[in-house]
N, C-alpha and C. Protein backbone atom coordinates (compact mmCIF):
# COMPACT_ATOMS: atom_id res chain seq x y z
N MET A 1 1.01 -142.13 21.13
CA MET A 1 1.40 -140.97 21.93
C MET A 1 2.92 -140.80 21.86
N ASN A 2 3.35 -139.56 21.75
CA ASN A 2 4.79 -139.32 21.74
C ASN A 2 5.06 -138.03 22.49
N GLY A 3 6.31 -137.57 22.42
CA GLY A 3 6.65 -136.33 23.08
C GLY A 3 6.86 -136.51 24.57
N GLU A 4 6.63 -135.43 25.29
CA GLU A 4 6.96 -135.39 26.72
C GLU A 4 6.23 -136.45 27.55
N PRO A 5 4.91 -136.65 27.38
CA PRO A 5 4.24 -137.69 28.17
C PRO A 5 4.83 -139.08 27.95
N GLN A 6 5.12 -139.42 26.71
CA GLN A 6 5.68 -140.74 26.44
C GLN A 6 7.07 -140.89 27.04
N ARG A 7 7.88 -139.84 26.97
CA ARG A 7 9.20 -139.91 27.59
C ARG A 7 9.08 -140.13 29.10
N LEU A 8 8.12 -139.46 29.72
CA LEU A 8 7.91 -139.64 31.15
C LEU A 8 7.49 -141.08 31.46
N ILE A 9 6.59 -141.63 30.67
CA ILE A 9 6.15 -143.02 30.86
C ILE A 9 7.33 -143.97 30.71
N ASP A 10 8.16 -143.75 29.68
CA ASP A 10 9.31 -144.63 29.45
C ASP A 10 10.33 -144.53 30.58
N ASP A 11 10.61 -143.31 31.03
CA ASP A 11 11.59 -143.13 32.10
C ASP A 11 11.07 -143.70 33.42
N ALA A 12 9.78 -143.56 33.67
CA ALA A 12 9.21 -144.15 34.88
C ALA A 12 9.32 -145.67 34.83
N GLN A 13 9.08 -146.24 33.66
CA GLN A 13 9.20 -147.70 33.51
C GLN A 13 10.62 -148.16 33.83
N ALA A 14 11.61 -147.32 33.48
CA ALA A 14 13.01 -147.67 33.72
C ALA A 14 13.32 -147.77 35.21
N ILE A 15 12.53 -147.11 36.06
CA ILE A 15 12.73 -147.23 37.51
C ILE A 15 11.66 -148.11 38.14
N GLY A 16 10.93 -148.85 37.31
CA GLY A 16 9.99 -149.83 37.81
C GLY A 16 8.62 -149.30 38.17
N VAL A 17 8.26 -148.13 37.64
CA VAL A 17 6.97 -147.51 37.95
C VAL A 17 6.12 -147.48 36.67
N ALA A 18 4.93 -148.05 36.74
CA ALA A 18 4.03 -148.09 35.57
C ALA A 18 3.12 -146.87 35.60
N LEU A 19 3.21 -146.05 34.57
CA LEU A 19 2.33 -144.88 34.42
C LEU A 19 1.44 -145.09 33.22
N ASP A 20 0.15 -144.70 33.35
CA ASP A 20 -0.68 -144.65 32.15
C ASP A 20 -0.68 -143.21 31.62
N ALA A 21 -1.30 -143.02 30.47
CA ALA A 21 -1.26 -141.72 29.82
C ALA A 21 -1.89 -140.63 30.68
N ALA A 22 -3.01 -140.94 31.33
CA ALA A 22 -3.70 -139.95 32.15
C ALA A 22 -2.83 -139.53 33.34
N GLN A 23 -2.15 -140.50 33.96
CA GLN A 23 -1.26 -140.16 35.07
C GLN A 23 -0.10 -139.29 34.60
N ALA A 24 0.47 -139.63 33.47
CA ALA A 24 1.58 -138.83 32.94
C ALA A 24 1.13 -137.38 32.68
N GLN A 25 -0.06 -137.21 32.13
CA GLN A 25 -0.57 -135.86 31.87
C GLN A 25 -0.78 -135.10 33.17
N ARG A 26 -1.28 -135.76 34.20
CA ARG A 26 -1.49 -135.09 35.48
C ARG A 26 -0.16 -134.68 36.11
N LEU A 27 0.83 -135.54 36.02
CA LEU A 27 2.13 -135.22 36.58
C LEU A 27 2.77 -134.03 35.86
N LEU A 28 2.63 -133.98 34.56
CA LEU A 28 3.17 -132.86 33.80
C LEU A 28 2.38 -131.59 34.08
N ARG A 29 1.08 -131.71 34.33
CA ARG A 29 0.28 -130.56 34.74
C ARG A 29 0.78 -130.01 36.08
N LEU A 30 1.18 -130.90 36.96
CA LEU A 30 1.75 -130.47 38.24
C LEU A 30 2.97 -129.59 38.00
N LEU A 31 3.83 -129.99 37.09
CA LEU A 31 5.01 -129.17 36.79
C LEU A 31 4.62 -127.84 36.15
N ASP A 32 3.58 -127.83 35.32
CA ASP A 32 3.09 -126.57 34.76
C ASP A 32 2.71 -125.60 35.88
N GLU A 33 1.96 -126.11 36.84
CA GLU A 33 1.52 -125.27 37.96
C GLU A 33 2.71 -124.82 38.81
N LEU A 34 3.65 -125.72 39.04
CA LEU A 34 4.83 -125.37 39.83
C LEU A 34 5.65 -124.29 39.14
N SER A 35 5.82 -124.41 37.82
CA SER A 35 6.58 -123.40 37.08
C SER A 35 5.90 -122.04 37.16
N HIS A 36 4.58 -122.04 37.06
CA HIS A 36 3.82 -120.78 37.12
C HIS A 36 3.97 -120.13 38.49
N TRP A 37 3.78 -120.89 39.54
CA TRP A 37 3.89 -120.35 40.90
C TRP A 37 5.33 -119.97 41.23
N ASN A 38 6.27 -120.71 40.68
CA ASN A 38 7.68 -120.48 41.03
C ASN A 38 8.15 -119.09 40.62
N ARG A 39 7.55 -118.54 39.58
CA ARG A 39 7.95 -117.20 39.14
C ARG A 39 7.65 -116.14 40.20
N SER A 40 6.64 -116.38 41.01
CA SER A 40 6.26 -115.42 42.04
C SER A 40 6.71 -115.83 43.44
N TYR A 41 6.77 -117.12 43.71
CA TYR A 41 6.96 -117.57 45.09
C TYR A 41 8.26 -118.31 45.35
N ASN A 42 9.06 -118.53 44.32
CA ASN A 42 10.38 -119.15 44.51
C ASN A 42 10.29 -120.44 45.33
N LEU A 43 9.55 -121.39 44.81
CA LEU A 43 9.32 -122.65 45.52
C LEU A 43 10.42 -123.67 45.29
N THR A 44 11.10 -123.58 44.16
CA THR A 44 12.16 -124.54 43.85
C THR A 44 13.25 -123.84 43.07
N ALA A 45 14.49 -124.25 43.30
CA ALA A 45 15.62 -123.68 42.56
C ALA A 45 15.76 -124.30 41.18
N ILE A 46 15.04 -125.40 40.94
CA ILE A 46 15.12 -126.09 39.65
C ILE A 46 14.06 -125.52 38.72
N SER A 47 14.46 -124.97 37.60
CA SER A 47 13.49 -124.35 36.69
C SER A 47 13.49 -124.95 35.30
N ALA A 48 14.58 -125.62 34.88
CA ALA A 48 14.60 -126.24 33.56
C ALA A 48 13.65 -127.42 33.53
N ARG A 49 12.85 -127.50 32.50
CA ARG A 49 11.78 -128.51 32.44
C ARG A 49 12.32 -129.94 32.58
N ALA A 50 13.34 -130.28 31.82
CA ALA A 50 13.87 -131.65 31.87
C ALA A 50 14.40 -131.97 33.26
N SER A 51 15.02 -131.00 33.90
CA SER A 51 15.54 -131.22 35.25
C SER A 51 14.41 -131.38 36.25
N MET A 52 13.32 -130.64 36.06
CA MET A 52 12.16 -130.79 36.94
C MET A 52 11.56 -132.19 36.83
N ILE A 53 11.50 -132.70 35.62
CA ILE A 53 10.95 -134.05 35.42
C ILE A 53 11.81 -135.07 36.16
N SER A 54 13.14 -134.95 36.03
CA SER A 54 14.02 -135.92 36.68
C SER A 54 14.05 -135.73 38.19
N ALA A 55 14.28 -134.49 38.63
CA ALA A 55 14.55 -134.23 40.05
C ALA A 55 13.29 -134.21 40.90
N HIS A 56 12.15 -133.88 40.31
CA HIS A 56 10.90 -133.81 41.08
C HIS A 56 10.00 -135.02 40.81
N LEU A 57 9.70 -135.28 39.55
CA LEU A 57 8.75 -136.36 39.27
C LEU A 57 9.38 -137.75 39.42
N LEU A 58 10.43 -138.02 38.66
CA LEU A 58 11.00 -139.36 38.66
C LEU A 58 11.64 -139.70 40.00
N ASP A 59 12.32 -138.74 40.59
CA ASP A 59 12.94 -138.99 41.89
C ASP A 59 11.88 -139.33 42.94
N SER A 60 10.76 -138.63 42.89
CA SER A 60 9.67 -138.92 43.83
C SER A 60 9.09 -140.31 43.58
N LEU A 61 8.82 -140.62 42.32
CA LEU A 61 8.18 -141.89 41.98
C LEU A 61 9.06 -143.09 42.32
N ALA A 62 10.37 -142.87 42.41
CA ALA A 62 11.29 -143.97 42.70
C ALA A 62 10.99 -144.64 44.03
N ALA A 63 10.29 -143.94 44.93
CA ALA A 63 9.98 -144.51 46.25
C ALA A 63 8.70 -145.32 46.26
N GLN A 64 8.03 -145.47 45.14
CA GLN A 64 6.76 -146.22 45.14
C GLN A 64 6.91 -147.61 45.76
N PRO A 65 7.98 -148.38 45.45
CA PRO A 65 8.08 -149.72 46.04
C PRO A 65 8.27 -149.71 47.55
N ASP A 66 8.62 -148.57 48.13
CA ASP A 66 8.91 -148.49 49.56
C ASP A 66 7.67 -148.15 50.39
N LEU A 67 6.56 -147.83 49.75
CA LEU A 67 5.36 -147.48 50.50
C LEU A 67 4.75 -148.73 51.14
N ARG A 68 4.30 -148.56 52.38
CA ARG A 68 3.64 -149.63 53.11
C ARG A 68 2.34 -149.10 53.69
N GLY A 69 1.29 -149.89 53.62
CA GLY A 69 0.04 -149.53 54.26
C GLY A 69 -0.74 -148.45 53.52
N ARG A 70 -1.75 -147.91 54.20
CA ARG A 70 -2.67 -146.96 53.57
C ARG A 70 -2.37 -145.51 53.91
N LEU A 71 -1.89 -145.25 55.12
CA LEU A 71 -1.69 -143.88 55.57
C LEU A 71 -0.22 -143.49 55.41
N ILE A 72 0.01 -142.48 54.57
CA ILE A 72 1.38 -142.08 54.22
C ILE A 72 1.58 -140.62 54.62
N ALA A 73 2.66 -140.33 55.30
CA ALA A 73 3.02 -138.94 55.63
C ALA A 73 4.28 -138.56 54.85
N ASP A 74 4.28 -137.35 54.31
CA ASP A 74 5.45 -136.76 53.64
C ASP A 74 5.86 -135.56 54.47
N VAL A 75 6.97 -135.68 55.20
CA VAL A 75 7.37 -134.63 56.12
C VAL A 75 8.39 -133.71 55.46
N GLY A 76 8.21 -132.40 55.68
CA GLY A 76 9.03 -131.43 54.98
C GLY A 76 8.81 -131.51 53.48
N THR A 77 7.54 -131.57 53.09
CA THR A 77 7.19 -131.85 51.69
C THR A 77 7.61 -130.76 50.72
N GLY A 78 7.84 -129.53 51.22
CA GLY A 78 8.19 -128.44 50.31
C GLY A 78 7.04 -128.14 49.38
N ALA A 79 7.32 -128.17 48.09
CA ALA A 79 6.28 -127.93 47.09
C ALA A 79 5.49 -129.19 46.75
N GLY A 80 5.60 -130.22 47.61
CA GLY A 80 4.77 -131.41 47.43
C GLY A 80 5.48 -132.65 46.92
N PHE A 81 6.78 -132.71 47.15
CA PHE A 81 7.54 -133.85 46.65
C PHE A 81 8.25 -134.57 47.79
N PRO A 82 8.09 -135.88 47.85
CA PRO A 82 7.56 -136.80 46.85
C PRO A 82 6.06 -137.05 46.90
N GLY A 83 5.34 -136.43 47.84
CA GLY A 83 3.96 -136.81 48.09
C GLY A 83 3.01 -136.68 46.93
N LEU A 84 3.05 -135.54 46.22
CA LEU A 84 2.07 -135.33 45.14
C LEU A 84 2.24 -136.34 44.00
N PRO A 85 3.44 -136.54 43.46
CA PRO A 85 3.55 -137.54 42.39
C PRO A 85 3.14 -138.94 42.84
N LEU A 86 3.49 -139.31 44.07
CA LEU A 86 3.10 -140.64 44.55
C LEU A 86 1.60 -140.74 44.74
N ALA A 87 0.96 -139.65 45.15
CA ALA A 87 -0.50 -139.67 45.31
C ALA A 87 -1.21 -139.86 43.97
N VAL A 88 -0.61 -139.34 42.91
CA VAL A 88 -1.19 -139.51 41.57
C VAL A 88 -1.20 -140.98 41.17
N VAL A 89 -0.13 -141.69 41.47
CA VAL A 89 -0.03 -143.09 41.02
C VAL A 89 -0.52 -144.09 42.07
N GLU A 90 -0.85 -143.60 43.28
CA GLU A 90 -1.34 -144.49 44.35
C GLU A 90 -2.67 -143.94 44.90
N PRO A 91 -3.73 -143.93 44.08
CA PRO A 91 -4.98 -143.31 44.53
C PRO A 91 -5.64 -144.03 45.70
N GLN A 92 -5.29 -145.27 45.95
CA GLN A 92 -5.90 -146.03 47.04
C GLN A 92 -5.28 -145.70 48.39
N ARG A 93 -4.19 -144.96 48.40
CA ARG A 93 -3.52 -144.59 49.64
C ARG A 93 -3.84 -143.14 49.99
N GLN A 94 -3.82 -142.82 51.28
CA GLN A 94 -4.12 -141.48 51.77
C GLN A 94 -2.82 -140.80 52.19
N PHE A 95 -2.54 -139.65 51.61
CA PHE A 95 -1.28 -138.95 51.83
C PHE A 95 -1.53 -137.67 52.63
N THR A 96 -0.70 -137.44 53.66
CA THR A 96 -0.69 -136.18 54.40
C THR A 96 0.66 -135.52 54.16
N LEU A 97 0.63 -134.34 53.54
CA LEU A 97 1.84 -133.61 53.18
C LEU A 97 2.04 -132.48 54.18
N ILE A 98 3.18 -132.49 54.86
CA ILE A 98 3.42 -131.62 56.01
C ILE A 98 4.59 -130.69 55.74
N ASP A 99 4.38 -129.41 55.98
CA ASP A 99 5.47 -128.45 55.89
C ASP A 99 5.14 -127.25 56.76
N SER A 100 6.18 -126.61 57.29
CA SER A 100 5.97 -125.45 58.17
C SER A 100 6.00 -124.13 57.42
N VAL A 101 6.31 -124.18 56.11
CA VAL A 101 6.40 -122.95 55.31
C VAL A 101 5.05 -122.72 54.61
N ALA A 102 4.41 -121.61 54.95
CA ALA A 102 3.03 -121.38 54.50
C ALA A 102 2.91 -121.34 52.99
N LYS A 103 3.83 -120.67 52.28
CA LYS A 103 3.68 -120.54 50.83
C LYS A 103 3.78 -121.90 50.13
N LYS A 104 4.56 -122.80 50.71
CA LYS A 104 4.69 -124.12 50.11
C LYS A 104 3.41 -124.94 50.30
N ILE A 105 2.81 -124.85 51.47
CA ILE A 105 1.56 -125.55 51.70
C ILE A 105 0.43 -124.92 50.89
N ARG A 106 0.48 -123.62 50.66
CA ARG A 106 -0.52 -122.99 49.78
C ARG A 106 -0.43 -123.57 48.38
N PHE A 107 0.80 -123.77 47.89
CA PHE A 107 0.95 -124.38 46.57
C PHE A 107 0.43 -125.81 46.56
N VAL A 108 0.78 -126.58 47.59
CA VAL A 108 0.30 -127.97 47.66
C VAL A 108 -1.22 -128.00 47.63
N THR A 109 -1.85 -127.12 48.39
CA THR A 109 -3.32 -127.06 48.42
C THR A 109 -3.87 -126.73 47.04
N HIS A 110 -3.23 -125.78 46.36
CA HIS A 110 -3.64 -125.42 44.99
C HIS A 110 -3.48 -126.61 44.04
N ALA A 111 -2.35 -127.31 44.14
CA ALA A 111 -2.10 -128.44 43.25
C ALA A 111 -3.10 -129.56 43.49
N VAL A 112 -3.43 -129.81 44.75
CA VAL A 112 -4.42 -130.84 45.08
C VAL A 112 -5.76 -130.52 44.44
N ARG A 113 -6.15 -129.26 44.52
CA ARG A 113 -7.42 -128.83 43.93
C ARG A 113 -7.37 -128.90 42.40
N THR A 114 -6.27 -128.43 41.81
CA THR A 114 -6.15 -128.40 40.35
C THR A 114 -6.11 -129.81 39.76
N LEU A 115 -5.40 -130.71 40.42
CA LEU A 115 -5.27 -132.08 39.92
C LEU A 115 -6.42 -132.98 40.39
N GLU A 116 -7.33 -132.42 41.19
CA GLU A 116 -8.49 -133.16 41.70
C GLU A 116 -8.05 -134.42 42.44
N LEU A 117 -7.09 -134.24 43.33
CA LEU A 117 -6.60 -135.35 44.14
C LEU A 117 -7.44 -135.45 45.40
N THR A 118 -8.18 -136.52 45.53
CA THR A 118 -9.05 -136.70 46.70
C THR A 118 -8.35 -137.44 47.84
N ASN A 119 -7.10 -137.82 47.62
CA ASN A 119 -6.38 -138.63 48.62
C ASN A 119 -5.20 -137.88 49.24
N VAL A 120 -5.26 -136.54 49.25
CA VAL A 120 -4.17 -135.75 49.81
C VAL A 120 -4.71 -134.72 50.79
N ILE A 121 -4.07 -134.64 51.96
CA ILE A 121 -4.32 -133.59 52.94
C ILE A 121 -3.05 -132.77 53.06
N ALA A 122 -3.17 -131.45 52.98
CA ALA A 122 -2.03 -130.55 53.17
C ALA A 122 -2.07 -130.02 54.60
N ALA A 123 -0.97 -130.19 55.33
CA ALA A 123 -0.92 -129.79 56.73
C ALA A 123 0.18 -128.76 56.95
N HIS A 124 -0.22 -127.55 57.35
CA HIS A 124 0.74 -126.50 57.67
C HIS A 124 1.12 -126.65 59.14
N SER A 125 2.27 -127.28 59.38
CA SER A 125 2.64 -127.61 60.75
C SER A 125 4.12 -127.96 60.81
N ARG A 126 4.69 -127.78 61.98
CA ARG A 126 5.99 -128.37 62.25
C ARG A 126 5.79 -129.85 62.51
N VAL A 127 6.66 -130.66 61.95
CA VAL A 127 6.50 -132.11 62.04
C VAL A 127 6.43 -132.57 63.48
N GLU A 128 7.31 -132.02 64.31
CA GLU A 128 7.42 -132.54 65.67
C GLU A 128 6.25 -132.16 66.56
N THR A 129 5.40 -131.23 66.11
CA THR A 129 4.23 -130.85 66.92
C THR A 129 2.93 -131.44 66.41
N LEU A 130 2.98 -132.14 65.28
CA LEU A 130 1.76 -132.72 64.71
C LEU A 130 1.41 -134.02 65.44
N VAL A 131 0.16 -134.13 65.85
CA VAL A 131 -0.29 -135.34 66.52
C VAL A 131 -1.43 -135.94 65.71
N PRO A 132 -1.17 -136.99 64.93
CA PRO A 132 -2.22 -137.57 64.09
C PRO A 132 -3.22 -138.37 64.89
N ALA A 133 -4.39 -138.58 64.32
CA ALA A 133 -5.42 -139.38 65.00
C ALA A 133 -4.99 -140.83 65.16
N GLU A 134 -4.19 -141.31 64.22
CA GLU A 134 -3.63 -142.65 64.31
C GLU A 134 -2.26 -142.65 63.65
N PRO A 135 -1.39 -143.58 64.01
CA PRO A 135 -0.05 -143.58 63.43
C PRO A 135 -0.09 -143.77 61.91
N PHE A 136 0.89 -143.21 61.24
CA PHE A 136 1.03 -143.44 59.81
C PHE A 136 1.69 -144.79 59.58
N ASP A 137 1.37 -145.39 58.44
CA ASP A 137 2.00 -146.65 58.06
C ASP A 137 3.39 -146.42 57.47
N THR A 138 3.53 -145.34 56.69
CA THR A 138 4.82 -144.96 56.11
C THR A 138 5.02 -143.47 56.32
N VAL A 139 6.21 -143.09 56.76
CA VAL A 139 6.60 -141.69 56.87
C VAL A 139 7.78 -141.48 55.92
N MET A 140 7.65 -140.54 54.98
CA MET A 140 8.69 -140.29 53.98
C MET A 140 9.32 -138.93 54.21
N ALA A 141 10.58 -138.80 53.80
CA ALA A 141 11.24 -137.49 53.81
C ALA A 141 12.27 -137.46 52.70
N ARG A 142 12.14 -136.44 51.83
CA ARG A 142 13.07 -136.35 50.71
C ARG A 142 14.16 -135.32 50.95
N ALA A 143 13.89 -134.28 51.68
CA ALA A 143 14.88 -133.23 51.86
C ALA A 143 14.92 -132.80 53.32
N TYR A 144 15.17 -133.76 54.17
CA TYR A 144 15.22 -133.50 55.60
C TYR A 144 16.68 -133.51 56.04
N ALA A 145 17.00 -132.82 57.08
CA ALA A 145 18.40 -132.61 57.49
C ALA A 145 19.15 -133.93 57.64
N THR A 146 19.30 -134.41 58.86
CA THR A 146 20.04 -135.64 59.09
C THR A 146 19.07 -136.76 59.45
N LEU A 147 19.55 -137.98 59.33
CA LEU A 147 18.72 -139.12 59.71
C LEU A 147 18.37 -139.06 61.19
N ALA A 148 19.30 -138.64 62.02
CA ALA A 148 19.02 -138.53 63.45
C ALA A 148 17.90 -137.53 63.72
N ASP A 149 17.96 -136.37 63.03
CA ASP A 149 16.90 -135.37 63.19
C ASP A 149 15.57 -135.92 62.70
N LEU A 150 15.59 -136.56 61.55
CA LEU A 150 14.36 -137.10 60.98
C LEU A 150 13.72 -138.10 61.93
N LEU A 151 14.47 -139.10 62.33
CA LEU A 151 13.90 -140.16 63.16
C LEU A 151 13.50 -139.64 64.54
N GLY A 152 14.21 -138.63 65.03
CA GLY A 152 13.83 -138.04 66.30
C GLY A 152 12.55 -137.23 66.21
N ASN A 153 12.38 -136.51 65.10
CA ASN A 153 11.25 -135.59 64.97
C ASN A 153 9.95 -136.25 64.57
N VAL A 154 10.00 -137.46 64.01
CA VAL A 154 8.77 -138.10 63.54
C VAL A 154 8.22 -139.13 64.53
N GLN A 155 8.79 -139.20 65.72
CA GLN A 155 8.36 -140.21 66.68
C GLN A 155 6.85 -140.16 66.92
N ASN A 156 6.30 -138.94 67.00
CA ASN A 156 4.87 -138.79 67.32
C ASN A 156 3.96 -139.20 66.15
N LEU A 157 4.54 -139.40 64.97
CA LEU A 157 3.76 -139.83 63.80
C LEU A 157 3.75 -141.35 63.66
N CYS A 158 4.56 -142.02 64.45
CA CYS A 158 4.86 -143.43 64.20
C CYS A 158 4.25 -144.35 65.26
N GLY A 159 3.93 -145.56 64.81
CA GLY A 159 3.55 -146.65 65.70
C GLY A 159 4.55 -147.78 65.55
N PRO A 160 4.30 -148.90 66.19
CA PRO A 160 5.26 -150.01 66.16
C PRO A 160 5.45 -150.64 64.79
N GLU A 161 4.50 -150.41 63.87
CA GLU A 161 4.61 -151.00 62.53
C GLU A 161 5.01 -149.99 61.46
N THR A 162 5.22 -148.74 61.83
CA THR A 162 5.54 -147.69 60.86
C THR A 162 6.90 -147.92 60.23
N ARG A 163 7.00 -147.62 58.95
CA ARG A 163 8.28 -147.60 58.27
C ARG A 163 8.61 -146.15 57.90
N VAL A 164 9.87 -145.76 58.10
CA VAL A 164 10.33 -144.43 57.72
C VAL A 164 11.23 -144.57 56.51
N VAL A 165 10.91 -143.83 55.45
CA VAL A 165 11.62 -143.90 54.18
C VAL A 165 12.35 -142.57 53.96
N ALA A 166 13.66 -142.64 53.85
CA ALA A 166 14.47 -141.43 53.70
C ALA A 166 15.22 -141.46 52.38
N PHE A 167 15.13 -140.35 51.65
CA PHE A 167 15.87 -140.18 50.40
C PHE A 167 17.23 -139.57 50.74
N LYS A 168 18.29 -140.14 50.21
CA LYS A 168 19.63 -139.59 50.40
C LYS A 168 20.40 -139.65 49.08
N GLY A 169 21.42 -138.84 48.98
CA GLY A 169 22.29 -138.88 47.81
C GLY A 169 23.32 -139.99 47.98
N HIS A 170 24.53 -139.62 48.40
CA HIS A 170 25.54 -140.64 48.70
C HIS A 170 25.09 -141.49 49.89
N TYR A 171 25.61 -142.69 49.96
CA TYR A 171 25.29 -143.56 51.09
C TYR A 171 25.75 -142.87 52.38
N PRO A 172 24.86 -142.65 53.34
CA PRO A 172 25.17 -141.79 54.49
C PRO A 172 25.85 -142.54 55.65
N HIS A 173 27.07 -142.97 55.43
CA HIS A 173 27.77 -143.77 56.45
C HIS A 173 27.79 -143.05 57.80
N ASP A 174 28.18 -141.78 57.79
CA ASP A 174 28.34 -141.05 59.06
C ASP A 174 27.00 -140.91 59.78
N GLU A 175 25.95 -140.59 59.03
CA GLU A 175 24.64 -140.42 59.66
C GLU A 175 24.13 -141.73 60.24
N LEU A 176 24.40 -142.83 59.56
CA LEU A 176 23.93 -144.13 60.06
C LEU A 176 24.63 -144.54 61.35
N ALA A 177 25.82 -143.98 61.58
CA ALA A 177 26.54 -144.28 62.81
C ALA A 177 25.96 -143.54 64.01
N GLU A 178 25.05 -142.60 63.75
CA GLU A 178 24.52 -141.75 64.83
C GLU A 178 22.99 -141.81 64.90
N LEU A 179 22.42 -142.96 64.60
CA LEU A 179 20.97 -143.10 64.68
C LEU A 179 20.51 -143.03 66.13
N PRO A 180 19.35 -142.43 66.36
CA PRO A 180 18.82 -142.43 67.73
C PRO A 180 18.40 -143.83 68.13
N PRO A 181 18.36 -144.11 69.42
CA PRO A 181 17.93 -145.45 69.87
C PRO A 181 16.48 -145.70 69.46
N GLY A 182 16.19 -146.98 69.24
CA GLY A 182 14.82 -147.36 68.91
C GLY A 182 14.56 -147.57 67.43
N TRP A 183 15.61 -147.39 66.60
CA TRP A 183 15.43 -147.55 65.16
C TRP A 183 16.51 -148.46 64.59
N ARG A 184 16.13 -149.18 63.56
CA ARG A 184 17.12 -150.01 62.85
C ARG A 184 16.94 -149.81 61.34
N LEU A 185 18.04 -149.88 60.63
CA LEU A 185 18.01 -149.82 59.17
C LEU A 185 17.53 -151.16 58.64
N GLU A 186 16.44 -151.12 57.89
CA GLU A 186 15.83 -152.36 57.40
C GLU A 186 16.26 -152.69 55.97
N GLN A 187 16.39 -151.66 55.15
CA GLN A 187 16.69 -151.89 53.72
C GLN A 187 17.29 -150.63 53.12
N VAL A 188 18.19 -150.81 52.16
CA VAL A 188 18.72 -149.70 51.36
C VAL A 188 18.60 -150.08 49.90
N ARG A 189 18.10 -149.15 49.12
CA ARG A 189 18.07 -149.36 47.66
C ARG A 189 18.84 -148.24 46.99
N LYS A 190 19.77 -148.59 46.13
CA LYS A 190 20.44 -147.60 45.29
C LYS A 190 19.66 -147.50 43.98
N VAL A 191 19.23 -146.31 43.63
CA VAL A 191 18.42 -146.14 42.43
C VAL A 191 19.11 -145.18 41.47
N GLN A 192 18.94 -145.44 40.19
CA GLN A 192 19.47 -144.55 39.15
C GLN A 192 18.30 -143.85 38.50
N ILE A 193 18.20 -142.54 38.71
CA ILE A 193 17.10 -141.76 38.18
C ILE A 193 17.45 -141.28 36.78
N PRO A 194 16.64 -141.59 35.76
CA PRO A 194 16.92 -141.10 34.42
C PRO A 194 17.06 -139.57 34.40
N GLY A 195 18.15 -139.10 33.82
CA GLY A 195 18.38 -137.66 33.73
C GLY A 195 19.16 -137.08 34.90
N LEU A 196 19.40 -137.88 35.94
CA LEU A 196 20.19 -137.42 37.08
C LEU A 196 21.49 -138.20 37.14
N SER A 197 22.60 -137.48 37.23
CA SER A 197 23.90 -138.16 37.34
C SER A 197 24.25 -138.44 38.79
N ALA A 198 23.62 -137.73 39.71
CA ALA A 198 23.95 -137.88 41.13
C ALA A 198 23.51 -139.24 41.66
N GLU A 199 24.23 -139.71 42.67
CA GLU A 199 23.84 -140.95 43.35
C GLU A 199 22.53 -140.73 44.09
N ARG A 200 21.77 -141.82 44.23
CA ARG A 200 20.52 -141.76 44.98
C ARG A 200 20.35 -143.06 45.75
N HIS A 201 20.12 -142.93 47.05
CA HIS A 201 19.83 -144.08 47.90
C HIS A 201 18.52 -143.84 48.63
N ILE A 202 17.70 -144.86 48.73
CA ILE A 202 16.45 -144.79 49.50
C ILE A 202 16.58 -145.78 50.66
N LEU A 203 16.48 -145.25 51.87
CA LEU A 203 16.70 -146.05 53.08
C LEU A 203 15.37 -146.26 53.79
N ASN A 204 15.17 -147.47 54.25
CA ASN A 204 13.97 -147.83 55.01
C ASN A 204 14.35 -148.16 56.44
N PHE A 205 13.66 -147.52 57.40
CA PHE A 205 13.91 -147.75 58.81
C PHE A 205 12.67 -148.33 59.48
N ALA A 206 12.90 -149.18 60.44
CA ALA A 206 11.81 -149.78 61.22
C ALA A 206 12.11 -149.58 62.70
N PRO A 207 11.05 -149.45 63.52
CA PRO A 207 11.27 -149.36 64.97
C PRO A 207 11.91 -150.64 65.48
N GLN A 208 12.83 -150.48 66.42
CA GLN A 208 13.40 -151.65 67.08
C GLN A 208 12.36 -152.30 67.96
N PRO A 209 12.16 -153.60 67.84
CA PRO A 209 11.23 -154.24 68.77
C PRO A 209 11.78 -154.08 70.19
N GLY A 210 10.90 -153.67 71.06
CA GLY A 210 11.42 -153.40 72.38
C GLY A 210 10.55 -153.88 73.46
């Protein structure tokens, strides 16, 4: 195998994520669908194919080592990132992708059906008003405002064992100085995404034992 699927497999391996050929094809199919919908619905500002692979697929997959447990929430998922790529490579986990923008959740629903993902639920909701049947094990956010806003708004999704995973560019010194009470920074990973020159940090938060 060569060409685009093989490059995706190789670049994923560089960030510690093992993809097989079928997964690579499904991920690239996701970008095909996103490009098609983007012409009508303006779901993402990134339109160049190579940039979409780096900024959407690889950037999303970089959080695979940070997932904990079976129930995963992706808050403010937008067009389904990081939730959809992670759901492709983690079929044993159940993902709930949450966004308040109807057109974005319509695309997520379409992508779930097209890719035949049985482990994804698309939820059209504001994060702070969603009340799950049970707490999520991991709550992720890739494009959420500030850490204080994120940790404040996801309280109703979390239990005492939940981990919150936040994607950031530069190390967010100022935001970390203003965390809401009840949370502690557990781990930070600096990751280098193939094809992206920008800095990337993935932060893991845990509830303070209280």
